[in-house]
N, C-alpha and C. Protein backbone atom coordinates (compact mmCIF):
# COMPACT_ATOMS: atom_id res chain seq x y z
N MET A 1 60.25 -101.43 0.50
CA MET A 1 60.35 -102.53 -0.45
C MET A 1 58.98 -103.42 -0.29
N SER A 2 58.30 -104.20 -1.22
CA SER A 2 57.57 -105.53 -0.86
C SER A 2 57.59 -106.24 -1.76
N VAL A 3 56.73 -107.37 -1.37
CA VAL A 3 56.45 -108.78 -2.09
C VAL A 3 55.37 -108.54 -2.69
N TYR A 4 54.75 -109.09 -3.79
CA TYR A 4 53.36 -108.87 -4.16
C TYR A 4 53.06 -110.29 -4.80
N LYS A 5 51.79 -110.38 -5.23
CA LYS A 5 51.40 -111.81 -6.18
C LYS A 5 50.42 -111.23 -7.11
N ILE A 6 50.20 -111.51 -8.23
CA ILE A 6 49.04 -111.38 -9.04
C ILE A 6 48.44 -112.72 -9.33
N VAL A 7 47.20 -112.44 -9.23
CA VAL A 7 46.28 -113.90 -9.07
C VAL A 7 44.84 -113.40 -10.01
N CYS A 8 44.28 -114.43 -10.50
CA CYS A 8 43.05 -114.27 -11.22
C CYS A 8 42.00 -114.42 -10.06
N LEU A 9 40.61 -113.73 -10.11
CA LEU A 9 39.68 -113.84 -9.23
C LEU A 9 38.81 -114.91 -9.58
N ASN A 10 39.10 -115.77 -10.77
CA ASN A 10 38.40 -116.91 -11.13
C ASN A 10 39.08 -117.82 -10.27
N PRO A 11 38.48 -118.54 -9.37
CA PRO A 11 39.20 -119.90 -8.40
C PRO A 11 39.73 -120.88 -9.67
N LEU A 12 38.84 -121.07 -10.69
CA LEU A 12 39.27 -122.10 -11.65
C LEU A 12 40.71 -122.00 -12.21
N ILE A 13 41.18 -120.71 -12.20
CA ILE A 13 42.34 -120.39 -12.86
C ILE A 13 43.54 -120.10 -11.61
N THR A 14 44.13 -120.97 -11.56
CA THR A 14 45.31 -120.94 -10.32
C THR A 14 46.60 -120.41 -10.84
N ASP A 15 46.74 -119.77 -11.87
CA ASP A 15 48.18 -119.46 -12.24
C ASP A 15 48.59 -117.94 -11.19
N VAL A 16 49.67 -118.00 -10.88
CA VAL A 16 50.09 -116.93 -9.86
C VAL A 16 51.60 -116.60 -10.55
N TYR A 17 51.63 -114.96 -10.44
CA TYR A 17 52.91 -114.36 -10.68
C TYR A 17 53.32 -113.74 -9.11
N VAL A 18 54.57 -114.04 -8.87
CA VAL A 18 55.31 -113.22 -7.63
C VAL A 18 56.28 -112.56 -7.84
N GLY A 19 56.17 -111.22 -7.41
CA GLY A 19 57.06 -110.30 -7.88
C GLY A 19 57.66 -109.43 -6.86
N SER A 20 58.66 -108.47 -6.68
CA SER A 20 59.11 -107.67 -5.81
C SER A 20 59.15 -106.17 -6.50
N THR A 21 59.29 -105.07 -5.46
CA THR A 21 59.59 -103.98 -5.65
C THR A 21 59.82 -102.85 -5.03
N ASN A 22 60.46 -102.03 -4.98
CA ASN A 22 60.62 -100.77 -4.19
C ASN A 22 59.72 -99.71 -4.01
N ASN A 23 58.69 -99.83 -5.03
CA ASN A 23 57.63 -98.94 -5.13
C ASN A 23 56.24 -99.51 -5.51
N PHE A 24 55.55 -100.10 -4.40
CA PHE A 24 54.56 -100.79 -5.01
C PHE A 24 53.30 -100.26 -5.83
N MET A 25 52.95 -99.20 -5.71
CA MET A 25 51.97 -98.66 -6.38
C MET A 25 52.36 -98.35 -7.92
N LYS A 26 53.68 -98.06 -8.13
CA LYS A 26 54.47 -97.76 -9.16
C LYS A 26 54.49 -99.25 -10.35
N ARG A 27 55.06 -99.96 -9.31
CA ARG A 27 54.98 -101.29 -9.98
C ARG A 27 53.81 -101.88 -10.41
N CYS A 28 52.64 -101.62 -9.73
CA CYS A 28 51.14 -102.02 -10.16
C CYS A 28 50.73 -101.15 -11.44
N ALA A 29 51.32 -99.87 -11.29
CA ALA A 29 50.70 -99.26 -12.67
C ALA A 29 51.60 -99.70 -14.14
N GLU A 30 52.88 -99.96 -13.73
CA GLU A 30 53.92 -100.57 -14.91
C GLU A 30 53.04 -101.71 -15.43
N HIS A 31 52.75 -102.76 -14.58
CA HIS A 31 52.17 -104.06 -15.04
C HIS A 31 50.94 -103.77 -15.80
N LYS A 32 50.20 -102.98 -15.15
CA LYS A 32 48.77 -102.50 -16.19
C LYS A 32 49.21 -101.97 -17.64
N SER A 33 50.28 -101.33 -17.50
CA SER A 33 50.40 -100.68 -18.82
C SER A 33 51.20 -101.68 -19.91
N ALA A 34 52.22 -102.41 -19.19
CA ALA A 34 52.65 -103.21 -20.07
C ALA A 34 51.83 -104.58 -20.79
N CYS A 35 50.88 -104.98 -19.89
CA CYS A 35 49.87 -105.80 -20.02
C CYS A 35 49.05 -105.29 -21.57
N LYS A 36 48.81 -103.86 -21.46
CA LYS A 36 48.17 -103.49 -22.40
C LYS A 36 48.57 -103.48 -23.80
N ARG A 37 49.90 -103.55 -23.97
CA ARG A 37 50.74 -103.78 -25.21
C ARG A 37 50.48 -105.12 -25.84
N ALA A 38 49.94 -105.18 -26.68
CA ALA A 38 49.75 -106.88 -27.16
C ALA A 38 50.86 -107.40 -27.76
N LYS A 39 51.94 -106.37 -28.07
CA LYS A 39 53.30 -106.92 -28.44
C LYS A 39 54.02 -107.47 -27.39
N ASN A 40 53.54 -107.30 -26.11
CA ASN A 40 54.21 -108.05 -25.01
C ASN A 40 53.94 -109.18 -24.74
N LYS A 41 54.81 -110.11 -24.88
CA LYS A 41 54.42 -111.68 -24.99
C LYS A 41 54.95 -112.37 -23.54
N MET A 42 55.07 -111.55 -22.59
CA MET A 42 55.62 -112.35 -21.23
C MET A 42 54.26 -113.29 -20.93
N LYS A 43 54.58 -114.42 -20.08
CA LYS A 43 53.61 -115.20 -19.96
C LYS A 43 52.59 -114.69 -19.02
N VAL A 44 53.06 -113.91 -18.03
CA VAL A 44 52.11 -113.25 -16.99
C VAL A 44 50.93 -112.38 -18.01
N TYR A 45 51.18 -111.58 -18.90
CA TYR A 45 50.69 -110.51 -19.38
C TYR A 45 49.56 -111.42 -20.48
N CYS A 46 50.23 -112.55 -21.09
CA CYS A 46 49.34 -113.43 -22.23
C CYS A 46 48.01 -113.99 -21.34
N CYS A 47 48.56 -114.47 -20.19
CA CYS A 47 47.48 -115.09 -19.16
C CYS A 47 46.47 -114.09 -18.86
N ILE A 48 47.05 -112.99 -18.47
CA ILE A 48 46.09 -111.97 -18.09
C ILE A 48 45.07 -111.58 -18.95
N ARG A 49 45.68 -111.47 -20.27
CA ARG A 49 44.84 -110.75 -21.52
C ARG A 49 43.76 -111.77 -21.47
N ALA A 50 44.34 -113.04 -21.72
CA ALA A 50 43.49 -114.50 -22.11
C ALA A 50 42.48 -114.80 -21.08
N ASN A 51 42.43 -114.09 -19.93
CA ASN A 51 41.64 -114.48 -19.09
C ASN A 51 40.86 -113.54 -18.36
N GLY A 52 39.98 -112.61 -19.25
CA GLY A 52 39.44 -111.48 -18.64
C GLY A 52 40.19 -110.13 -18.48
N ASP A 53 41.19 -110.06 -18.57
CA ASP A 53 41.92 -108.71 -18.54
C ASP A 53 41.98 -108.30 -17.07
N TRP A 54 42.39 -107.13 -16.79
CA TRP A 54 42.61 -106.72 -15.50
C TRP A 54 41.50 -106.62 -14.35
N VAL A 55 40.05 -106.53 -15.30
CA VAL A 55 38.76 -106.43 -14.49
C VAL A 55 38.84 -108.03 -13.72
N ASN A 56 39.63 -109.00 -14.18
CA ASN A 56 39.39 -110.44 -13.79
C ASN A 56 40.61 -110.78 -12.81
N TRP A 57 41.56 -109.89 -12.36
CA TRP A 57 42.78 -110.18 -11.83
C TRP A 57 43.07 -109.12 -10.70
N LYS A 58 43.91 -109.52 -9.71
CA LYS A 58 44.34 -108.41 -8.70
C LYS A 58 45.89 -108.67 -8.50
N ILE A 59 46.32 -107.16 -7.91
CA ILE A 59 47.61 -107.62 -7.55
C ILE A 59 47.39 -107.22 -5.94
N GLU A 60 48.17 -108.06 -5.12
CA GLU A 60 48.13 -108.06 -3.70
C GLU A 60 49.34 -107.95 -2.96
N GLN A 61 49.59 -107.11 -2.18
CA GLN A 61 50.86 -107.18 -1.61
C GLN A 61 50.95 -108.37 -0.48
N LEU A 62 51.87 -108.90 -0.47
CA LEU A 62 52.24 -110.14 0.47
C LEU A 62 52.75 -109.81 1.78
N GLU A 63 53.63 -108.89 1.42
CA GLU A 63 54.59 -108.69 2.56
C GLU A 63 55.30 -107.53 2.51
N VAL A 64 55.69 -106.47 3.41
CA VAL A 64 56.50 -105.32 3.15
C VAL A 64 58.12 -105.95 3.89
N VAL A 65 58.92 -105.65 3.32
CA VAL A 65 60.43 -106.32 3.47
C VAL A 65 61.30 -105.23 4.05
N GLU A 66 61.73 -105.03 5.20
CA GLU A 66 62.98 -104.21 5.59
C GLU A 66 64.24 -104.70 5.50
N GLY A 67 65.14 -104.02 5.07
CA GLY A 67 66.40 -104.59 4.67
C GLY A 67 66.98 -104.22 3.11
N ASP A 68 67.77 -104.80 2.70
CA ASP A 68 68.20 -104.39 1.38
C ASP A 68 67.90 -105.15 0.21
N ARG A 69 68.07 -105.14 -1.08
CA ARG A 69 67.73 -105.49 -2.02
C ARG A 69 67.84 -106.98 -1.96
N GLN A 70 68.64 -107.67 -1.44
CA GLN A 70 69.14 -108.83 -1.34
C GLN A 70 68.12 -109.71 -0.43
N GLN A 71 67.87 -109.09 0.57
CA GLN A 71 66.66 -109.51 1.54
C GLN A 71 65.43 -109.59 0.85
N LEU A 72 65.21 -108.75 0.00
CA LEU A 72 63.70 -108.41 -0.70
C LEU A 72 63.68 -109.77 -1.78
N LEU A 73 64.86 -110.06 -2.44
CA LEU A 73 64.83 -111.07 -3.37
C LEU A 73 64.66 -112.46 -2.59
N ILE A 74 65.28 -112.50 -1.29
CA ILE A 74 65.24 -113.66 -0.64
C ILE A 74 63.71 -113.93 -0.41
N ARG A 75 63.15 -113.04 0.24
CA ARG A 75 61.74 -112.93 0.43
C ARG A 75 60.89 -113.21 -0.75
N GLU A 76 61.18 -112.72 -1.82
CA GLU A 76 60.39 -112.78 -3.12
C GLU A 76 60.46 -114.54 -3.46
N ARG A 77 61.70 -115.16 -3.48
CA ARG A 77 61.87 -116.57 -3.46
C ARG A 77 60.98 -117.39 -2.68
N HIS A 78 60.94 -117.00 -1.31
CA HIS A 78 60.22 -117.68 -0.68
C HIS A 78 58.81 -117.75 -0.92
N TRP A 79 58.28 -116.74 -1.15
CA TRP A 79 56.70 -116.62 -1.79
C TRP A 79 56.54 -117.16 -3.16
N PHE A 80 57.64 -117.06 -3.95
CA PHE A 80 57.56 -118.03 -5.13
C PHE A 80 57.45 -119.07 -4.82
N ASN A 81 58.01 -119.90 -4.07
CA ASN A 81 58.15 -121.20 -3.95
C ASN A 81 56.71 -121.60 -3.09
N ILE A 82 56.34 -120.97 -2.17
CA ILE A 82 55.32 -121.27 -1.57
C ILE A 82 53.91 -121.12 -2.28
N LEU A 83 53.90 -120.34 -3.31
CA LEU A 83 52.55 -120.07 -3.92
C LEU A 83 52.82 -120.94 -5.11
N LYS A 84 53.87 -121.47 -5.48
CA LYS A 84 54.27 -122.32 -6.84
C LYS A 84 53.82 -121.47 -7.99
N SER A 85 54.45 -120.20 -7.83
CA SER A 85 54.32 -119.27 -9.00
C SER A 85 54.64 -120.04 -10.35
N ASN A 86 53.71 -119.87 -11.22
CA ASN A 86 54.05 -120.26 -12.60
C ASN A 86 53.95 -119.47 -14.00
N LEU A 87 53.84 -118.16 -13.48
CA LEU A 87 53.60 -116.97 -14.36
C LEU A 87 55.33 -116.45 -14.91
N ASN A 88 55.95 -116.57 -13.71
CA ASN A 88 57.14 -116.13 -13.88
C ASN A 88 58.13 -116.24 -14.90
N SER A 89 58.78 -115.19 -15.50
CA SER A 89 59.85 -115.66 -16.33
C SER A 89 61.06 -116.29 -15.88
N ASN A 90 61.49 -115.69 -14.73
CA ASN A 90 62.60 -115.90 -13.96
C ASN A 90 62.40 -116.16 -12.63
N THR A 91 63.14 -116.93 -12.32
CA THR A 91 63.03 -117.66 -10.85
C THR A 91 64.11 -116.53 -9.99
N PRO A 92 63.43 -115.90 -8.83
CA PRO A 92 64.20 -114.99 -8.05
C PRO A 92 65.42 -115.92 -7.26
N THR A 93 66.56 -115.22 -7.40
CA THR A 93 67.89 -115.74 -6.62
C THR A 93 68.22 -117.26 -7.23
N GLN A 94 67.92 -117.70 -8.47
CA GLN A 94 68.26 -118.97 -8.90
C GLN A 94 69.58 -119.01 -9.26
N THR A 95 70.46 -119.95 -8.70
CA THR A 95 71.74 -120.20 -8.99
C THR A 95 71.93 -120.64 -10.61
N ASN A 96 73.09 -120.64 -10.73
CA ASN A 96 73.47 -121.59 -12.30
C ASN A 96 72.91 -122.82 -12.24
N LYS A 97 73.47 -123.35 -10.97
CA LYS A 97 73.18 -124.92 -11.01
C LYS A 97 71.55 -125.17 -11.00
N GLU A 98 70.60 -124.50 -10.43
CA GLU A 98 69.29 -124.51 -10.72
C GLU A 98 68.86 -124.22 -11.79
N TRP A 99 69.58 -123.30 -12.62
CA TRP A 99 69.00 -123.03 -13.94
C TRP A 99 69.52 -124.19 -14.92
N TYR A 100 70.63 -124.77 -14.61
CA TYR A 100 71.06 -125.91 -15.59
C TYR A 100 70.26 -127.09 -15.20
N VAL A 101 69.65 -127.41 -14.05
CA VAL A 101 68.96 -128.40 -13.72
C VAL A 101 67.56 -128.27 -14.51
N LYS A 102 67.13 -126.95 -14.11
CA LYS A 102 65.80 -126.79 -14.95
C LYS A 102 65.70 -126.63 -16.41
N ASN A 103 66.70 -126.37 -16.92
CA ASN A 103 66.90 -126.21 -18.44
C ASN A 103 67.59 -127.36 -19.19
N LYS A 104 68.01 -128.53 -18.56
CA LYS A 104 68.69 -129.32 -18.80
C LYS A 104 68.15 -129.92 -20.40
N GLU A 105 66.86 -130.67 -20.06
CA GLU A 105 65.94 -130.84 -21.16
C GLU A 105 65.98 -130.33 -22.49
N LYS A 106 65.55 -129.00 -22.13
CA LYS A 106 65.32 -128.01 -23.33
C LYS A 106 66.48 -127.54 -23.94
N LYS A 107 68.01 -127.59 -23.22
CA LYS A 107 68.94 -127.64 -23.90
C LYS A 107 69.37 -128.75 -24.74
N ALA A 108 69.12 -129.64 -24.33
CA ALA A 108 69.43 -131.06 -25.06
C ALA A 108 68.49 -131.18 -26.39
N LEU A 109 67.07 -130.71 -26.32
CA LEU A 109 66.41 -130.87 -27.44
C LEU A 109 66.92 -129.85 -28.20
N TYR A 110 67.18 -128.75 -27.62
CA TYR A 110 67.67 -127.52 -28.59
C TYR A 110 69.05 -127.86 -29.47
N TYR A 111 69.97 -128.78 -28.59
CA TYR A 111 71.10 -128.93 -29.60
C TYR A 111 70.99 -129.97 -30.64
N ILE A 112 69.85 -130.93 -30.18
CA ILE A 112 69.37 -132.18 -31.28
C ILE A 112 68.90 -131.34 -32.53
N ALA A 113 67.89 -130.34 -32.30
CA ALA A 113 67.40 -129.57 -33.37
C ALA A 113 68.49 -128.67 -34.20
N ASN A 114 69.29 -128.40 -33.66
CA ASN A 114 70.40 -127.28 -34.07
C ASN A 114 71.65 -127.86 -34.16
N LYS A 115 71.92 -129.05 -34.37
CA LYS A 115 73.19 -129.76 -34.21
C LYS A 115 73.99 -129.29 -35.27
N ASP A 116 73.70 -129.21 -36.58
CA ASP A 116 74.45 -129.08 -37.65
C ASP A 116 75.05 -127.44 -37.61
N ARG A 117 74.04 -126.60 -37.18
CA ARG A 117 74.34 -124.97 -37.25
C ARG A 117 75.20 -124.89 -36.08
N ILE A 118 75.00 -125.49 -34.95
CA ILE A 118 75.98 -125.16 -33.84
C ILE A 118 77.26 -125.71 -34.02
N LEU A 119 77.29 -126.85 -34.69
CA LEU A 119 78.98 -127.65 -35.01
C LEU A 119 79.37 -126.48 -36.38
N LYS A 120 78.56 -126.16 -36.91
CA LYS A 120 79.62 -125.17 -37.95
C LYS A 120 79.80 -123.85 -37.19
N ARG A 121 79.24 -123.41 -36.64
CA ARG A 121 79.47 -122.15 -35.80
C ARG A 121 80.85 -122.21 -34.73
N MET A 122 80.80 -123.48 -34.23
CA MET A 122 81.93 -124.15 -33.37
C MET A 122 83.50 -124.07 -34.28
N ALA A 123 82.80 -124.46 -35.49
CA ALA A 123 84.41 -124.89 -36.37
C ALA A 123 84.64 -123.44 -36.76
N GLU A 124 84.04 -122.33 -37.14
CA GLU A 124 84.20 -120.95 -37.51
C GLU A 124 85.09 -120.48 -36.07
N CYS A 125 84.48 -120.71 -34.96
CA CYS A 125 85.23 -120.12 -33.76
C CYS A 125 86.56 -120.44 -33.67
N ARG A 126 86.61 -121.88 -33.71
CA ARG A 126 87.97 -122.57 -33.92
C ARG A 126 88.85 -122.08 -34.73
N GLU A 127 88.43 -121.66 -36.26
CA GLU A 127 89.09 -121.35 -37.22
C GLU A 127 89.63 -119.78 -36.75
N CYS A 128 88.85 -119.13 -36.47
CA CYS A 128 88.96 -117.76 -36.33
C CYS A 128 90.06 -117.43 -34.96
N ARG A 129 89.92 -118.47 -34.12
CA ARG A 129 90.77 -118.43 -32.95
C ARG A 129 92.15 -118.80 -33.20
N ASP A 130 92.34 -119.72 -34.10
CA ASP A 130 93.53 -120.53 -34.59
C ASP A 130 94.24 -119.19 -35.59
N LYS A 131 93.34 -118.65 -36.60
CA LYS A 131 94.09 -117.34 -37.16
C LYS A 131 94.55 -116.30 -36.16
N SER A 132 93.81 -116.24 -35.13
CA SER A 132 94.25 -115.10 -34.34
C SER A 132 95.71 -115.59 -33.50
N LYS A 133 95.77 -116.47 -33.28
CA LYS A 133 96.91 -117.05 -32.31
C LYS A 133 98.22 -117.15 -33.42
N GLN A 134 98.03 -117.30 -34.75
CA GLN A 134 99.21 -117.36 -35.64
C GLN A 134 99.43 -115.70 -35.92
N ARG A 135 98.41 -114.86 -35.88
CA ARG A 135 98.94 -113.60 -35.73
C ARG A 135 99.46 -113.10 -34.86
N LEU A 136 99.12 -113.50 -33.55
CA LEU A 136 99.99 -112.97 -32.46
C LEU A 136 101.39 -113.59 -32.38
N VAL A 137 101.60 -114.98 -32.86
CA VAL A 137 103.13 -115.56 -33.01
C VAL A 137 103.73 -114.52 -34.18
N TYR A 138 103.05 -114.39 -35.31
CA TYR A 138 103.91 -113.49 -36.38
C TYR A 138 104.23 -112.20 -35.68
N ASP A 139 103.38 -111.57 -35.24
CA ASP A 139 103.54 -110.19 -34.49
C ASP A 139 104.66 -110.14 -33.66
N SER A 140 104.59 -111.00 -32.75
CA SER A 140 105.72 -111.17 -31.70
C SER A 140 107.05 -111.35 -32.54
N LEU A 141 107.13 -112.13 -33.50
CA LEU A 141 108.42 -112.29 -34.17
C LEU A 141 108.73 -111.07 -34.82
N GLU A 142 107.91 -110.46 -35.32
CA GLU A 142 108.39 -109.29 -35.98
C GLU A 142 108.88 -108.13 -35.00
N THR A 143 108.56 -108.06 -33.54
CA THR A 143 108.96 -107.32 -32.82
C THR A 143 110.22 -107.67 -32.15
N LEU A 144 110.61 -109.07 -32.67
CA LEU A 144 111.89 -109.41 -31.84
C LEU A 144 113.13 -108.93 -32.95
N ASP A 145 112.63 -108.71 -34.39
CA ASP A 145 113.64 -108.24 -35.09
C ASP A 145 114.27 -107.04 -34.75
């Protein structure tokens, strides 16, 4: 198991992706294959395609990790923080609280932009839940007869 990084050979491009895998060679091939698919809009692949493709990027093994999957993810998070990875879609071993803090502003903006739709959906769910409760009460009364 190992932790790796994807970096650009051009020193002016400081974007970094950090990942972990059980099979480093296979994962390298998977990254290169995924990047070739233009419909793949992941931040790391868009950045690679926009900055010279794979001839201008390298995948470098940072550390071989002994232990279980959790140890691997802990080490991935360590390197993620040290290298200030900005191309990852997800933060390794991120807690719910960390996610909430990181996305609090984005969630507020989403709510403001979609408030009417969200409130309508909440009302629909409330109605559905109330009907379901009524049906349960009615069904339980029928079984008592």
